[in-house]
Amino acid sequence: MSRRHDAERWGARAESIAAWWLRLKGWRVLARRFRTPMGEIDLIAARRNVLAIIEVKARDEIDAALDAVHARSRQRIERAAEAFMAGHQHWSKFSPRFDVMIIRPWRLPRHLRDAWRPDWR
């Protein structure tokens, strides 16, 4: 198998772990790999009045995971979030929050709430 294929499989597994972790914490997972022409959101989850737009990163180190969420990635995620809320009016009433979930081997998931704030919020 190629490195790319292995990375995609590990990324999909990390998203499954993150979704499982969120459910354990009382979140309702609304979508996984929500795709639009403008970008993709790994996970969308809701709890109380918060709509969490979550970027999942599978890395050995926290710093490497955070470095992987660069400005261009954030912009694509923000545009995809706008598309999601425009197409799902019920969820547009919730306060959107942009989070990062870090999945590391043999460690509990790390959920970084409010990892960044877009200009349009």
PDB file of N, CA and C in Angstrom:
ATOM      1  N   MET A   1       0.828  -1.187   0.000  1.00  0.00           N
ATOM      2  CA  MET A   1       0.000   0.000   0.000  1.00  0.00           C
ATOM      3  C   MET A   1       0.872   1.251   0.000  1.00  0.00           C
ATOM      4  N   SER A   2       0.344   2.303  -0.567  1.00  0.00           N
ATOM      5  CA  SER A   2       1.089   3.555  -0.634  1.00  0.00           C
ATOM      6  C   SER A   2       0.982   4.308   0.693  1.00  0.00           C
ATOM      7  N   ARG A   3       1.899   5.230   0.878  1.00  0.00           N
ATOM      8  CA  ARG A   3       1.860   6.067   2.078  1.00  0.00           C
ATOM      9  C   ARG A   3       0.569   6.871   2.133  1.00  0.00           C
ATOM     10  N   ARG A   4       0.163   7.376   0.974  1.00  0.00           N
ATOM     11  CA  ARG A   4      -1.063   8.178   0.918  1.00  0.00           C
ATOM     12  C   ARG A   4      -2.265   7.354   1.361  1.00  0.00           C
ATOM     13  N   HIS A   5      -2.354   6.121   0.859  1.00  0.00           N
ATOM     14  CA  HIS A   5      -3.463   5.244   1.227  1.00  0.00           C
ATOM     15  C   HIS A   5      -3.438   4.950   2.728  1.00  0.00           C
ATOM     16  N   ASP A   6      -2.258   4.678   3.261  1.00  0.00           N
ATOM     17  CA  ASP A   6      -2.120   4.430   4.703  1.00  0.00           C
ATOM     18  C   ASP A   6      -2.544   5.659   5.508  1.00  0.00           C
ATOM     19  N   ALA A   7      -2.134   6.836   5.053  1.00  0.00           N
ATOM     20  CA  ALA A   7      -2.491   8.076   5.746  1.00  0.00           C
ATOM     21  C   ALA A   7      -4.000   8.301   5.711  1.00  0.00           C
ATOM     22  N   GLU A   8      -4.629   8.020   4.573  1.00  0.00           N
ATOM     23  CA  GLU A   8      -6.084   8.172   4.468  1.00  0.00           C
ATOM     24  C   GLU A   8      -6.805   7.207   5.400  1.00  0.00           C
ATOM     25  N   ARG A   9      -6.318   5.983   5.475  1.00  0.00           N
ATOM     26  CA  ARG A   9      -6.930   4.998   6.379  1.00  0.00           C
ATOM     27  C   ARG A   9      -6.773   5.427   7.832  1.00  0.00           C
ATOM     28  N   TRP A  10      -5.592   5.893   8.205  1.00  0.00           N
ATOM     29  CA  TRP A  10      -5.357   6.339   9.571  1.00  0.00           C
ATOM     30  C   TRP A  10      -6.208   7.568   9.870  1.00  0.00           C
ATOM     31  N   GLY A  11      -6.353   8.463   8.893  1.00  0.00           N
ATOM     32  CA  GLY A  11      -7.200   9.642   9.077  1.00  0.00           C
ATOM     33  C   GLY A  11      -8.657   9.267   9.294  1.00  0.00           C
ATOM     34  N   ALA A  12      -9.159   8.319   8.507  1.00  0.00           N
ATOM     35  CA  ALA A  12     -10.544   7.858   8.672  1.00  0.00           C
ATOM     36  C   ALA A  12     -10.726   7.187  10.034  1.00  0.00           C
ATOM     37  N   ARG A  13      -9.744   6.419  10.448  1.00  0.00           N
ATOM     38  CA  ARG A  13      -9.803   5.773  11.769  1.00  0.00           C
ATOM     39  C   ARG A  13      -9.790   6.834  12.876  1.00  0.00           C
ATOM     40  N   ALA A  14      -8.971   7.858  12.714  1.00  0.00           N
ATOM     41  CA  ALA A  14      -8.912   8.939  13.705  1.00  0.00           C
ATOM     42  C   ALA A  14     -10.255   9.659  13.803  1.00  0.00           C
ATOM     43  N   GLU A  15     -10.915   9.873  12.666  1.00  0.00           N
ATOM     44  CA  GLU A  15     -12.234  10.510  12.680  1.00  0.00           C
ATOM     45  C   GLU A  15     -13.251   9.639  13.408  1.00  0.00           C
ATOM     46  N   SER A  16     -13.167   8.328  13.229  1.00  0.00           N
ATOM     47  CA  SER A  16     -14.067   7.413  13.944  1.00  0.00           C
ATOM     48  C   SER A  16     -13.823   7.476  15.449  1.00  0.00           C
ATOM     49  N   ILE A  17     -12.562   7.509  15.842  1.00  0.00           N
ATOM     50  CA  ILE A  17     -12.220   7.616  17.265  1.00  0.00           C
ATOM     51  C   ILE A  17     -12.740   8.936  17.831  1.00  0.00           C
ATOM     52  N   ALA A  18     -12.549  10.023  17.088  1.00  0.00           N
ATOM     53  CA  ALA A  18     -13.007  11.338  17.539  1.00  0.00           C
ATOM     54  C   ALA A  18     -14.528  11.363  17.684  1.00  0.00           C
ATOM     55  N   ALA A  19     -15.249  10.781  16.724  1.00  0.00           N
ATOM     56  CA  ALA A  19     -16.716  10.738  16.796  1.00  0.00           C
ATOM     57  C   ALA A  19     -17.167   9.938  18.016  1.00  0.00           C
ATOM     58  N   TRP A  20     -16.519   8.819  18.252  1.00  0.00           N
ATOM     59  CA  TRP A  20     -16.830   7.989  19.414  1.00  0.00           C
ATOM     60  C   TRP A  20     -16.608   8.784  20.702  1.00  0.00           C
ATOM     61  N   TRP A  21     -15.484   9.486  20.791  1.00  0.00           N
ATOM     62  CA  TRP A  21     -15.151  10.269  21.976  1.00  0.00           C
ATOM     63  C   TRP A  21     -16.193  11.364  22.211  1.00  0.00           C
ATOM     64  N   LEU A  22     -16.584  12.047  21.141  1.00  0.00           N
ATOM     65  CA  LEU A  22     -17.590  13.106  21.271  1.00  0.00           C
ATOM     66  C   LEU A  22     -18.912  12.542  21.792  1.00  0.00           C
ATOM     67  N   ARG A  23     -19.326  11.407  21.256  1.00  0.00           N
ATOM     68  CA  ARG A  23     -20.573  10.786  21.726  1.00  0.00           C
ATOM     69  C   ARG A  23     -20.482  10.444  23.216  1.00  0.00           C
ATOM     70  N   LEU A  24     -19.346   9.942  23.653  1.00  0.00           N
ATOM     71  CA  LEU A  24     -19.165   9.648  25.080  1.00  0.00           C
ATOM     72  C   LEU A  24     -19.304  10.904  25.939  1.00  0.00           C
ATOM     73  N   LYS A  25     -18.956  12.043  25.371  1.00  0.00           N
ATOM     74  CA  LYS A  25     -19.020  13.311  26.094  1.00  0.00           C
ATOM     75  C   LYS A  25     -20.368  14.016  25.930  1.00  0.00           C
ATOM     76  N   GLY A  26     -21.336  13.337  25.316  1.00  0.00           N
ATOM     77  CA  GLY A  26     -22.679  13.896  25.207  1.00  0.00           C
ATOM     78  C   GLY A  26     -22.974  14.693  23.955  1.00  0.00           C
ATOM     79  N   TRP A  27     -22.089  14.649  22.976  1.00  0.00           N
ATOM     80  CA  TRP A  27     -22.309  15.353  21.717  1.00  0.00           C
ATOM     81  C   TRP A  27     -23.131  14.487  20.772  1.00  0.00           C
ATOM     82  N   ARG A  28     -23.900  15.140  19.929  1.00  0.00           N
ATOM     83  CA  ARG A  28     -24.622  14.466  18.850  1.00  0.00           C
ATOM     84  C   ARG A  28     -23.839  14.722  17.562  1.00  0.00           C
ATOM     85  N   VAL A  29     -23.306  13.678  16.969  1.00  0.00           N
ATOM     86  CA  VAL A  29     -22.540  13.830  15.730  1.00  0.00           C
ATOM     87  C   VAL A  29     -23.537  13.926  14.578  1.00  0.00           C
ATOM     88  N   LEU A  30     -23.523  15.065  13.893  1.00  0.00           N
ATOM     89  CA  LEU A  30     -24.473  15.334  12.814  1.00  0.00           C
ATOM     90  C   LEU A  30     -23.947  14.896  11.460  1.00  0.00           C
ATOM     91  N   ALA A  31     -22.654  15.030  11.254  1.00  0.00           N
ATOM     92  CA  ALA A  31     -22.078  14.699   9.947  1.00  0.00           C
ATOM     93  C   ALA A  31     -20.610  14.345  10.101  1.00  0.00           C
ATOM     94  N   ARG A  32     -20.185  13.448   9.224  1.00  0.00           N
ATOM     95  CA  ARG A  32     -18.769  13.095   9.111  1.00  0.00           C
ATOM     96  C   ARG A  32     -18.364  13.332   7.665  1.00  0.00           C
ATOM     97  N   ARG A  33     -17.205  13.925   7.494  1.00  0.00           N
ATOM     98  CA  ARG A  33     -16.682  14.219   6.152  1.00  0.00           C
ATOM     99  C   ARG A  33     -17.714  14.950   5.286  1.00  0.00           C
ATOM    100  N   PHE A  34     -18.237  16.041   5.821  1.00  0.00           N
ATOM    101  CA  PHE A  34     -19.199  16.861   5.087  1.00  0.00           C
ATOM    102  C   PHE A  34     -18.447  17.599   3.988  1.00  0.00           C
ATOM    103  N   ARG A  35     -18.797  17.288   2.739  1.00  0.00           N
ATOM    104  CA  ARG A  35     -18.061  17.839   1.591  1.00  0.00           C
ATOM    105  C   ARG A  35     -18.892  18.859   0.834  1.00  0.00           C
ATOM    106  N   THR A  36     -18.230  19.931   0.453  1.00  0.00           N
ATOM    107  CA  THR A  36     -18.809  20.941  -0.423  1.00  0.00           C
ATOM    108  C   THR A  36     -17.744  21.274  -1.462  1.00  0.00           C
ATOM    109  N   PRO A  37     -18.119  21.981  -2.530  1.00  0.00           N
ATOM    110  CA  PRO A  37     -17.098  22.410  -3.491  1.00  0.00           C
ATOM    111  C   PRO A  37     -16.053  23.341  -2.857  1.00  0.00           C
ATOM    112  N   MET A  38     -16.425  23.982  -1.739  1.00  0.00           N
ATOM    113  CA  MET A  38     -15.524  24.933  -1.095  1.00  0.00           C
ATOM    114  C   MET A  38     -14.576  24.304  -0.090  1.00  0.00           C
ATOM    115  N   GLY A  39     -14.907  23.117   0.393  1.00  0.00           N
ATOM    116  CA  GLY A  39     -14.065  22.481   1.396  1.00  0.00           C
ATOM    117  C   GLY A  39     -14.779  21.338   2.081  1.00  0.00           C
ATOM    118  N   GLU A  40     -14.089  20.732   3.028  1.00  0.00           N
ATOM    119  CA  GLU A  40     -14.622  19.580   3.753  1.00  0.00           C
ATOM    120  C   GLU A  40     -14.480  19.799   5.251  1.00  0.00           C
ATOM    121  N   ILE A  41     -15.487  19.322   5.982  1.00  0.00           N
ATOM    122  CA  ILE A  41     -15.447  19.352   7.443  1.00  0.00           C
ATOM    123  C   ILE A  41     -15.364  17.911   7.910  1.00  0.00           C
ATOM    124  N   ASP A  42     -14.405  17.614   8.783  1.00  0.00           N
ATOM    125  CA  ASP A  42     -14.244  16.242   9.267  1.00  0.00           C
ATOM    126  C   ASP A  42     -15.439  15.795  10.091  1.00  0.00           C
ATOM    127  N   LEU A  43     -15.820  16.586  11.093  1.00  0.00           N
ATOM    128  CA  LEU A  43     -16.957  16.250  11.955  1.00  0.00           C
ATOM    129  C   LEU A  43     -17.758  17.505  12.266  1.00  0.00           C
ATOM    130  N   ILE A  44     -19.069  17.330  12.325  1.00  0.00           N
ATOM    131  CA  ILE A  44     -19.961  18.385  12.791  1.00  0.00           C
ATOM    132  C   ILE A  44     -20.766  17.769  13.922  1.00  0.00           C
ATOM    133  N   ALA A  45     -20.756  18.426  15.078  1.00  0.00           N
ATOM    134  CA  ALA A  45     -21.445  17.880  16.246  1.00  0.00           C
ATOM    135  C   ALA A  45     -22.180  18.999  16.977  1.00  0.00           C
ATOM    136  N   ALA A  46     -23.249  18.617  17.681  1.00  0.00           N
ATOM    137  CA  ALA A  46     -24.038  19.593  18.427  1.00  0.00           C
ATOM    138  C   ALA A  46     -24.232  19.120  19.862  1.00  0.00           C
ATOM    139  N   ARG A  47     -24.225  20.098  20.745  1.00  0.00           N
ATOM    140  CA  ARG A  47     -24.547  19.851  22.147  1.00  0.00           C
ATOM    141  C   ARG A  47     -25.044  21.169  22.718  1.00  0.00           C
ATOM    142  N   ARG A  48     -26.189  21.088  23.380  1.00  0.00           N
ATOM    143  CA  ARG A  48     -26.865  22.280  23.892  1.00  0.00           C
ATOM    144  C   ARG A  48     -27.069  23.263  22.740  1.00  0.00           C
ATOM    145  N   ASN A  49     -26.531  24.466  22.831  1.00  0.00           N
ATOM    146  CA  ASN A  49     -26.721  25.448  21.752  1.00  0.00           C
ATOM    147  C   ASN A  49     -25.445  25.671  20.942  1.00  0.00           C
ATOM    148  N   VAL A  50     -24.515  24.715  21.009  1.00  0.00           N
ATOM    149  CA  VAL A  50     -23.232  24.851  20.300  1.00  0.00           C
ATOM    150  C   VAL A  50     -23.186  23.898  19.114  1.00  0.00           C
ATOM    151  N   LEU A  51     -22.788  24.417  17.985  1.00  0.00           N
ATOM    152  CA  LEU A  51     -22.538  23.620  16.788  1.00  0.00           C
ATOM    153  C   LEU A  51     -21.023  23.603  16.591  1.00  0.00           C
ATOM    154  N   ALA A  52     -20.411  22.460  16.846  1.00  0.00           N
ATOM    155  CA  ALA A  52     -18.953  22.348  16.747  1.00  0.00           C
ATOM    156  C   ALA A  52     -18.554  21.868  15.360  1.00  0.00           C
ATOM    157  N   ILE A  53     -17.710  22.640  14.715  1.00  0.00           N
ATOM    158  CA  ILE A  53     -17.111  22.300  13.434  1.00  0.00           C
ATOM    159  C   ILE A  53     -15.710  21.807  13.794  1.00  0.00           C
ATOM    160  N   ILE A  54     -15.452  20.518  13.561  1.00  0.00           N
ATOM    161  CA  ILE A  54     -14.252  19.910  14.129  1.00  0.00           C
ATOM    162  C   ILE A  54     -13.309  19.396  13.047  1.00  0.00           C
ATOM    163  N   GLU A  55     -12.079  19.846  13.121  1.00  0.00           N
ATOM    164  CA  GLU A  55     -11.004  19.341  12.271  1.00  0.00           C
ATOM    165  C   GLU A  55     -10.256  18.287  13.077  1.00  0.00           C
ATOM    166  N   VAL A  56     -10.156  17.084  12.537  1.00  0.00           N
ATOM    167  CA  VAL A  56      -9.490  15.982  13.229  1.00  0.00           C
ATOM    168  C   VAL A  56      -8.093  15.817  12.643  1.00  0.00           C
ATOM    169  N   LYS A  57      -7.104  15.751  13.528  1.00  0.00           N
ATOM    170  CA  LYS A  57      -5.724  15.548  13.096  1.00  0.00           C
ATOM    171  C   LYS A  57      -5.132  14.356  13.834  1.00  0.00           C
ATOM    172  N   ALA A  58      -4.593  13.429  13.079  1.00  0.00           N
ATOM    173  CA  ALA A  58      -3.919  12.254  13.641  1.00  0.00           C
ATOM    174  C   ALA A  58      -2.416  12.483  13.516  1.00  0.00           C
ATOM    175  N   ARG A  59      -1.791  12.760  14.633  1.00  0.00           N
ATOM    176  CA  ARG A  59      -0.359  13.030  14.654  1.00  0.00           C
ATOM    177  C   ARG A  59       0.237  12.457  15.933  1.00  0.00           C
ATOM    178  N   ASP A  60       1.536  12.243  15.917  1.00  0.00           N
ATOM    179  CA  ASP A  60       2.222  11.760  17.111  1.00  0.00           C
ATOM    180  C   ASP A  60       2.370  12.860  18.163  1.00  0.00           C
ATOM    181  N   GLU A  61       2.516  14.096  17.708  1.00  0.00           N
ATOM    182  CA  GLU A  61       2.758  15.216  18.618  1.00  0.00           C
ATOM    183  C   GLU A  61       1.690  16.288  18.447  1.00  0.00           C
ATOM    184  N   ILE A  62       1.318  16.924  19.541  1.00  0.00           N
ATOM    185  CA  ILE A  62       0.288  17.967  19.516  1.00  0.00           C
ATOM    186  C   ILE A  62       0.715  19.135  18.640  1.00  0.00           C
ATOM    187  N   ASP A  63       1.961  19.570  18.762  1.00  0.00           N
ATOM    188  CA  ASP A  63       2.433  20.710  17.963  1.00  0.00           C
ATOM    189  C   ASP A  63       2.332  20.424  16.471  1.00  0.00           C
ATOM    190  N   ALA A  64       2.659  19.216  16.066  1.00  0.00           N
ATOM    191  CA  ALA A  64       2.567  18.849  14.647  1.00  0.00           C
ATOM    192  C   ALA A  64       1.118  18.893  14.180  1.00  0.00           C
ATOM    193  N   ALA A  65       0.196  18.480  15.037  1.00  0.00           N
ATOM    194  CA  ALA A  65      -1.226  18.516  14.682  1.00  0.00           C
ATOM    195  C   ALA A  65      -1.701  19.955  14.511  1.00  0.00           C
ATOM    196  N   LEU A  66      -1.312  20.816  15.426  1.00  0.00           N
ATOM    197  CA  LEU A  66      -1.729  22.213  15.334  1.00  0.00           C
ATOM    198  C   LEU A  66      -1.109  22.906  14.129  1.00  0.00           C
ATOM    199  N   ASP A  67       0.133  22.597  13.824  1.00  0.00           N
ATOM    200  CA  ASP A  67       0.786  23.179  12.646  1.00  0.00           C
ATOM    201  C   ASP A  67       0.086  22.765  11.357  1.00  0.00           C
ATOM    202  N   ALA A  68      -0.554  21.610  11.362  1.00  0.00           N
ATOM    203  CA  ALA A  68      -1.223  21.105  10.159  1.00  0.00           C
ATOM    204  C   ALA A  68      -2.534  21.833   9.869  1.00  0.00           C
ATOM    205  N   VAL A  69      -3.036  22.597  10.826  1.00  0.00           N
ATOM    206  CA  VAL A  69      -4.267  23.367  10.615  1.00  0.00           C
ATOM    207  C   VAL A  69      -3.853  24.802  10.294  1.00  0.00           C
ATOM    208  N   HIS A  70      -3.412  25.011   9.061  1.00  0.00           N
ATOM    209  CA  HIS A  70      -2.902  26.318   8.656  1.00  0.00           C
ATOM    210  C   HIS A  70      -4.030  27.203   8.131  1.00  0.00           C
ATOM    211  N   ALA A  71      -3.718  28.444   7.823  1.00  0.00           N
ATOM    212  CA  ALA A  71      -4.720  29.443   7.440  1.00  0.00           C
ATOM    213  C   ALA A  71      -5.563  28.998   6.253  1.00  0.00           C
ATOM    214  N   ARG A  72      -4.948  28.419   5.248  1.00  0.00           N
ATOM    215  CA  ARG A  72      -5.706  27.984   4.065  1.00  0.00           C
ATOM    216  C   ARG A  72      -6.701  26.881   4.427  1.00  0.00           C
ATOM    217  N   SER A  73      -6.292  25.961   5.274  1.00  0.00           N
ATOM    218  CA  SER A  73      -7.197  24.898   5.736  1.00  0.00           C
ATOM    219  C   SER A  73      -8.364  25.493   6.510  1.00  0.00           C
ATOM    220  N   ARG A  74      -8.065  26.432   7.388  1.00  0.00           N
ATOM    221  CA  ARG A  74      -9.128  27.062   8.182  1.00  0.00           C
ATOM    222  C   ARG A  74     -10.130  27.773   7.284  1.00  0.00           C
ATOM    223  N   GLN A  75      -9.644  28.460   6.252  1.00  0.00           N
ATOM    224  CA  GLN A  75     -10.553  29.156   5.339  1.00  0.00           C
ATOM    225  C   GLN A  75     -11.475  28.179   4.619  1.00  0.00           C
ATOM    226  N   ARG A  76     -10.941  27.054   4.167  1.00  0.00           N
ATOM    227  CA  ARG A  76     -11.777  26.048   3.496  1.00  0.00           C
ATOM    228  C   ARG A  76     -12.827  25.485   4.453  1.00  0.00           C
ATOM    229  N   ILE A  77     -12.429  25.226   5.676  1.00  0.00           N
ATOM    230  CA  ILE A  77     -13.363  24.704   6.676  1.00  0.00           C
ATOM    231  C   ILE A  77     -14.446  25.740   6.976  1.00  0.00           C
ATOM    232  N   GLU A  78     -14.060  26.998   7.099  1.00  0.00           N
ATOM    233  CA  GLU A  78     -15.028  28.066   7.364  1.00  0.00           C
ATOM    234  C   GLU A  78     -16.041  28.187   6.231  1.00  0.00           C
ATOM    235  N   ARG A  79     -15.585  28.115   4.984  1.00  0.00           N
ATOM    236  CA  ARG A  79     -16.508  28.190   3.842  1.00  0.00           C
ATOM    237  C   ARG A  79     -17.452  26.991   3.830  1.00  0.00           C
ATOM    238  N   ALA A  80     -16.938  25.821   4.148  1.00  0.00           N
ATOM    239  CA  ALA A  80     -17.786  24.630   4.213  1.00  0.00           C
ATOM    240  C   ALA A  80     -18.807  24.764   5.344  1.00  0.00           C
ATOM    241  N   ALA A  81     -18.414  25.366   6.463  1.00  0.00           N
ATOM    242  CA  ALA A  81     -19.334  25.577   7.586  1.00  0.00           C
ATOM    243  C   ALA A  81     -20.457  26.531   7.192  1.00  0.00           C
ATOM    244  N   GLU A  82     -20.115  27.582   6.459  1.00  0.00           N
ATOM    245  CA  GLU A  82     -21.147  28.505   5.974  1.00  0.00           C
ATOM    246  C   GLU A  82     -22.138  27.769   5.079  1.00  0.00           C
ATOM    247  N   ALA A  83     -21.638  26.903   4.212  1.00  0.00           N
ATOM    248  CA  ALA A  83     -22.512  26.125   3.326  1.00  0.00           C
ATOM    249  C   ALA A  83     -23.398  25.182   4.132  1.00  0.00           C
ATOM    250  N   PHE A  84     -22.843  24.545   5.148  1.00  0.00           N
ATOM    251  CA  PHE A  84     -23.637  23.641   5.988  1.00  0.00           C
ATOM    252  C   PHE A  84     -24.771  24.404   6.662  1.00  0.00           C
ATOM    253  N   MET A  85     -24.448  25.539   7.261  1.00  0.00           N
ATOM    254  CA  MET A  85     -25.472  26.299   7.979  1.00  0.00           C
ATOM    255  C   MET A  85     -26.514  26.882   7.029  1.00  0.00           C
ATOM    256  N   ALA A  86     -26.107  27.258   5.825  1.00  0.00           N
ATOM    257  CA  ALA A  86     -27.071  27.767   4.845  1.00  0.00           C
ATOM    258  C   ALA A  86     -28.025  26.671   4.392  1.00  0.00           C
ATOM    259  N   GLY A  87     -27.538  25.456   4.303  1.00  0.00           N
ATOM    260  CA  GLY A  87     -28.372  24.343   3.856  1.00  0.00           C
ATOM    261  C   GLY A  87     -29.120  23.632   4.961  1.00  0.00           C
ATOM    262  N   HIS A  88     -28.830  23.963   6.200  1.00  0.00           N
ATOM    263  CA  HIS A  88     -29.470  23.327   7.357  1.00  0.00           C
ATOM    264  C   HIS A  88     -29.908  24.437   8.317  1.00  0.00           C
ATOM    265  N   GLN A  89     -31.026  25.068   7.991  1.00  0.00           N
ATOM    266  CA  GLN A  89     -31.476  26.246   8.733  1.00  0.00           C
ATOM    267  C   GLN A  89     -31.626  26.005  10.232  1.00  0.00           C
ATOM    268  N   HIS A  90     -32.066  24.813  10.618  1.00  0.00           N
ATOM    269  CA  HIS A  90     -32.232  24.535  12.049  1.00  0.00           C
ATOM    270  C   HIS A  90     -30.914  24.723  12.800  1.00  0.00           C
ATOM    271  N   TRP A  91     -29.840  24.250  12.229  1.00  0.00           N
ATOM    272  CA  TRP A  91     -28.540  24.325  12.905  1.00  0.00           C
ATOM    273  C   TRP A  91     -27.922  25.710  12.821  1.00  0.00           C
ATOM    274  N   SER A  92     -28.412  26.537  11.904  1.00  0.00           N
ATOM    275  CA  SER A  92     -27.852  27.887  11.783  1.00  0.00           C
ATOM    276  C   SER A  92     -28.203  28.750  12.995  1.00  0.00           C
ATOM    277  N   LYS A  93     -29.160  28.310  13.805  1.00  0.00           N
ATOM    278  CA  LYS A  93     -29.517  29.048  15.022  1.00  0.00           C
ATOM    279  C   LYS A  93     -28.514  28.796  16.147  1.00  0.00           C
ATOM    280  N   PHE A  94     -27.712  27.776  16.005  1.00  0.00           N
ATOM    281  CA  PHE A  94     -26.723  27.432  17.021  1.00  0.00           C
ATOM    282  C   PHE A  94     -25.481  28.307  16.861  1.00  0.00           C
ATOM    283  N   SER A  95     -24.733  28.464  17.938  1.00  0.00           N
ATOM    284  CA  SER A  95     -23.480  29.219  17.886  1.00  0.00           C
ATOM    285  C   SER A  95     -22.386  28.319  17.320  1.00  0.00           C
ATOM    286  N   PRO A  96     -21.818  28.676  16.160  1.00  0.00           N
ATOM    287  CA  PRO A  96     -20.759  27.829  15.602  1.00  0.00           C
ATOM    288  C   PRO A  96     -19.445  28.018  16.359  1.00  0.00           C
ATOM    289  N   ARG A  97     -18.750  26.920  16.510  1.00  0.00           N
ATOM    290  CA  ARG A  97     -17.452  26.946  17.175  1.00  0.00           C
ATOM    291  C   ARG A  97     -16.503  26.056  16.381  1.00  0.00           C
ATOM    292  N   PHE A  98     -15.280  26.514  16.200  1.00  0.00           N
ATOM    293  CA  PHE A  98     -14.297  25.775  15.414  1.00  0.00           C
ATOM    294  C   PHE A  98     -13.291  25.121  16.360  1.00  0.00           C
ATOM    295  N   ASP A  99     -13.310  23.796  16.357  1.00  0.00           N
ATOM    296  CA  ASP A  99     -12.488  23.004  17.266  1.00  0.00           C
ATOM    297  C   ASP A  99     -11.485  22.166  16.485  1.00  0.00           C
ATOM    298  N   VAL A 100     -10.486  21.688  17.195  1.00  0.00           N
ATOM    299  CA  VAL A 100      -9.537  20.718  16.643  1.00  0.00           C
ATOM    300  C   VAL A 100      -9.509  19.531  17.599  1.00  0.00           C
ATOM    301  N   MET A 101      -9.601  18.336  17.046  1.00  0.00           N
ATOM    302  CA  MET A 101      -9.499  17.107  17.837  1.00  0.00           C
ATOM    303  C   MET A 101      -8.213  16.419  17.408  1.00  0.00           C
ATOM    304  N   ILE A 102      -7.335  16.169  18.375  1.00  0.00           N
ATOM    305  CA  ILE A 102      -6.045  15.545  18.084  1.00  0.00           C
ATOM    306  C   ILE A 102      -6.084  14.098  18.557  1.00  0.00           C
ATOM    307  N   ILE A 103      -5.787  13.207  17.633  1.00  0.00           N
ATOM    308  CA  ILE A 103      -5.758  11.776  17.922  1.00  0.00           C
ATOM    309  C   ILE A 103      -4.304  11.327  17.831  1.00  0.00           C
ATOM    310  N   ARG A 104      -3.786  10.813  18.958  1.00  0.00           N
ATOM    311  CA  ARG A 104      -2.403  10.336  19.010  1.00  0.00           C
ATOM    312  C   ARG A 104      -2.403   8.867  19.398  1.00  0.00           C
ATOM    313  N   PRO A 105      -1.452   8.115  18.902  1.00  0.00           N
ATOM    314  CA  PRO A 105      -1.400   6.688  19.242  1.00  0.00           C
ATOM    315  C   PRO A 105      -1.285   6.471  20.753  1.00  0.00           C
ATOM    316  N   TRP A 106      -2.103   5.577  21.255  1.00  0.00           N
ATOM    317  CA  TRP A 106      -2.064   5.133  22.646  1.00  0.00           C
ATOM    318  C   TRP A 106      -2.331   6.248  23.656  1.00  0.00           C
ATOM    319  N   ARG A 107      -3.037   7.272  23.234  1.00  0.00           N
ATOM    320  CA  ARG A 107      -3.399   8.366  24.137  1.00  0.00           C
ATOM    321  C   ARG A 107      -4.882   8.665  23.978  1.00  0.00           C
ATOM    322  N   LEU A 108      -5.472   9.271  24.991  1.00  0.00           N
ATOM    323  CA  LEU A 108      -6.858   9.713  24.875  1.00  0.00           C
ATOM    324  C   LEU A 108      -6.926  10.873  23.886  1.00  0.00           C
ATOM    325  N   PRO A 109      -8.045  11.013  23.184  1.00  0.00           N
ATOM    326  CA  PRO A 109      -8.193  12.146  22.265  1.00  0.00           C
ATOM    327  C   PRO A 109      -8.081  13.475  23.012  1.00  0.00           C
ATOM    328  N   ARG A 110      -7.564  14.452  22.339  1.00  0.00           N
ATOM    329  CA  ARG A 110      -7.421  15.806  22.898  1.00  0.00           C
ATOM    330  C   ARG A 110      -8.333  16.734  22.119  1.00  0.00           C
ATOM    331  N   HIS A 111      -9.311  17.318  22.795  1.00  0.00           N
ATOM    332  CA  HIS A 111     -10.298  18.189  22.161  1.00  0.00           C
ATOM    333  C   HIS A 111      -9.961  19.638  22.496  1.00  0.00           C
ATOM    334  N   LEU A 112      -9.516  20.377  21.495  1.00  0.00           N
ATOM    335  CA  LEU A 112      -9.180  21.792  21.671  1.00  0.00           C
ATOM    336  C   LEU A 112     -10.380  22.624  21.233  1.00  0.00           C
ATOM    337  N   ARG A 113     -11.112  23.112  22.207  1.00  0.00           N
ATOM    338  CA  ARG A 113     -12.327  23.873  21.929  1.00  0.00           C
ATOM    339  C   ARG A 113     -11.978  25.296  21.494  1.00  0.00           C
ATOM    340  N   ASP A 114     -12.772  25.810  20.555  1.00  0.00           N
ATOM    341  CA  ASP A 114     -12.600  27.191  20.093  1.00  0.00           C
ATOM    342  C   ASP A 114     -11.162  27.434  19.642  1.00  0.00           C
ATOM    343  N   ALA A 115     -10.657  26.537  18.813  1.00  0.00           N
ATOM    344  CA  ALA A 115      -9.264  26.582  18.358  1.00  0.00           C
ATOM    345  C   ALA A 115      -8.962  27.829  17.531  1.00  0.00           C
ATOM    346  N   TRP A 116      -9.963  28.315  16.814  1.00  0.00           N
ATOM    347  CA  TRP A 116      -9.808  29.575  16.080  1.00  0.00           C
ATOM    348  C   TRP A 116     -11.179  30.185  15.865  1.00  0.00           C
ATOM    349  N   ARG A 117     -11.176  31.465  15.526  1.00  0.00           N
ATOM    350  CA  ARG A 117     -12.424  32.187  15.262  1.00  0.00           C
ATOM    351  C   ARG A 117     -12.347  32.827  13.883  1.00  0.00           C
ATOM    352  N   PRO A 118     -13.345  32.543  13.065  1.00  0.00           N
ATOM    353  CA  PRO A 118     -13.351  33.147  11.728  1.00  0.00           C
ATOM    354  C   PRO A 118     -13.732  34.624  11.797  1.00  0.00           C
ATOM    355  N   ASP A 119     -13.447  35.337  10.733  1.00  0.00           N
ATOM    356  CA  ASP A 119     -13.769  36.764  10.672  1.00  0.00           C
ATOM    357  C   ASP A 119     -15.268  37.027  10.646  1.00  0.00           C
ATOM    358  N   TRP A 120     -16.042  36.100  10.081  1.00  0.00           N
ATOM    359  CA  TRP A 120     -17.472  36.339   9.890  1.00  0.00           C
ATOM    360  C   TRP A 120     -18.310  36.079  11.124  1.00  0.00           C
ATOM    361  N   ARG A 121     -17.760  35.555  12.179  1.00  0.00           N
ATOM    362  CA  ARG A 121     -18.557  35.251  13.374  1.00  0.00           C
ATOM    363  C   ARG A 121     -18.853  36.474  14.174  1.00  0.00           C
TER     364      ARG A 121
END
